[in-house]
Amino acid sequence: SLERLQTILKLTWMRNTLYVG
């Protein structure tokens, strides 16, 4: 569902941000 996809994208974005930071 859209909500699930949005959550996955958010988690991925957070992970990438943590790695970059």
PDB file of N, CA and C in Angstrom:
ATOM      1  N   SER A   1       0.842  -1.202   0.000  1.00  0.00           N
ATOM      2  CA  SER A   1       0.000   0.000   0.000  1.00  0.00           C
ATOM      3  C   SER A   1       0.876   1.250   0.000  1.00  0.00           C
ATOM      4  N   LEU A   2       0.272   2.377  -0.266  1.00  0.00           N
ATOM      5  CA  LEU A   2       1.035   3.625  -0.316  1.00  0.00           C
ATOM      6  C   LEU A   2       1.675   3.927   1.028  1.00  0.00           C
ATOM      7  N   GLU A   3       0.929   3.717   2.115  1.00  0.00           N
ATOM      8  CA  GLU A   3       1.477   4.018   3.448  1.00  0.00           C
ATOM      9  C   GLU A   3       2.737   3.200   3.712  1.00  0.00           C
ATOM     10  N   ARG A   4       2.691   1.930   3.320  1.00  0.00           N
ATOM     11  CA  ARG A   4       3.837   1.055   3.565  1.00  0.00           C
ATOM     12  C   ARG A   4       5.034   1.553   2.768  1.00  0.00           C
ATOM     13  N   LEU A   5       4.809   1.899   1.503  1.00  0.00           N
ATOM     14  CA  LEU A   5       5.891   2.378   0.643  1.00  0.00           C
ATOM     15  C   LEU A   5       6.472   3.661   1.219  1.00  0.00           C
ATOM     16  N   GLN A   6       5.595   4.549   1.694  1.00  0.00           N
ATOM     17  CA  GLN A   6       6.063   5.818   2.252  1.00  0.00           C
ATOM     18  C   GLN A   6       6.927   5.553   3.488  1.00  0.00           C
ATOM     19  N   THR A   7       6.511   4.604   4.315  1.00  0.00           N
ATOM     20  CA  THR A   7       7.283   4.291   5.516  1.00  0.00           C
ATOM     21  C   THR A   7       8.653   3.738   5.143  1.00  0.00           C
ATOM     22  N   ILE A   8       8.678   2.843   4.168  1.00  0.00           N
ATOM     23  CA  ILE A   8       9.958   2.256   3.731  1.00  0.00           C
ATOM     24  C   ILE A   8      10.874   3.347   3.201  1.00  0.00           C
ATOM     25  N   LEU A   9      10.309   4.242   2.380  1.00  0.00           N
ATOM     26  CA  LEU A   9      11.126   5.327   1.828  1.00  0.00           C
ATOM     27  C   LEU A   9      11.676   6.192   2.949  1.00  0.00           C
ATOM     28  N   LYS A  10      10.849   6.461   3.955  1.00  0.00           N
ATOM     29  CA  LYS A  10      11.278   7.302   5.074  1.00  0.00           C
ATOM     30  C   LYS A  10      12.421   6.623   5.828  1.00  0.00           C
ATOM     31  N   LEU A  11      12.288   5.330   6.078  1.00  0.00           N
ATOM     32  CA  LEU A  11      13.342   4.605   6.794  1.00  0.00           C
ATOM     33  C   LEU A  11      14.633   4.602   5.985  1.00  0.00           C
ATOM     34  N   THR A  12      14.497   4.398   4.669  1.00  0.00           N
ATOM     35  CA  THR A  12      15.686   4.394   3.808  1.00  0.00           C
ATOM     36  C   THR A  12      16.343   5.759   3.823  1.00  0.00           C
ATOM     37  N   TRP A  13      15.529   6.811   3.748  1.00  0.00           N
ATOM     38  CA  TRP A  13      16.072   8.171   3.748  1.00  0.00           C
ATOM     39  C   TRP A  13      16.805   8.438   5.062  1.00  0.00           C
ATOM     40  N   MET A  14      16.194   8.023   6.170  1.00  0.00           N
ATOM     41  CA  MET A  14      16.822   8.230   7.480  1.00  0.00           C
ATOM     42  C   MET A  14      18.151   7.489   7.538  1.00  0.00           C
ATOM     43  N   ARG A  15      18.175   6.261   7.013  1.00  0.00           N
ATOM     44  CA  ARG A  15      19.392   5.453   7.042  1.00  0.00           C
ATOM     45  C   ARG A  15      20.487   6.140   6.228  1.00  0.00           C
ATOM     46  N   ASN A  16      20.116   6.620   5.035  1.00  0.00           N
ATOM     47  CA  ASN A  16      21.094   7.292   4.183  1.00  0.00           C
ATOM     48  C   ASN A  16      21.604   8.554   4.869  1.00  0.00           C
ATOM     49  N   THR A  17      20.694   9.296   5.509  1.00  0.00           N
ATOM     50  CA  THR A  17      21.093  10.531   6.182  1.00  0.00           C
ATOM     51  C   THR A  17      22.080  10.209   7.307  1.00  0.00           C
ATOM     52  N   LEU A  18      21.800   9.141   8.062  1.00  0.00           N
ATOM     53  CA  LEU A  18      22.686   8.781   9.168  1.00  0.00           C
ATOM     54  C   LEU A  18      24.058   8.391   8.638  1.00  0.00           C
ATOM     55  N   TYR A  19      24.073   7.654   7.534  1.00  0.00           N
ATOM     56  CA  TYR A  19      25.361   7.231   6.969  1.00  0.00           C
ATOM     57  C   TYR A  19      26.154   8.439   6.499  1.00  0.00           C
ATOM     58  N   VAL A  20      25.460   9.371   5.822  1.00  0.00           N
ATOM     59  CA  VAL A  20      26.142  10.561   5.290  1.00  0.00           C
ATOM     60  C   VAL A  20      26.613  11.434   6.442  1.00  0.00           C
ATOM     61  N   GLY A  21      25.764  11.563   7.480  1.00  0.00           N
ATOM     62  CA  GLY A  21      26.099  12.432   8.605  1.00  0.00           C
ATOM     63  C   GLY A  21      27.120  11.776   9.471  1.00  0.00           C
TER      64      GLY A  21
END
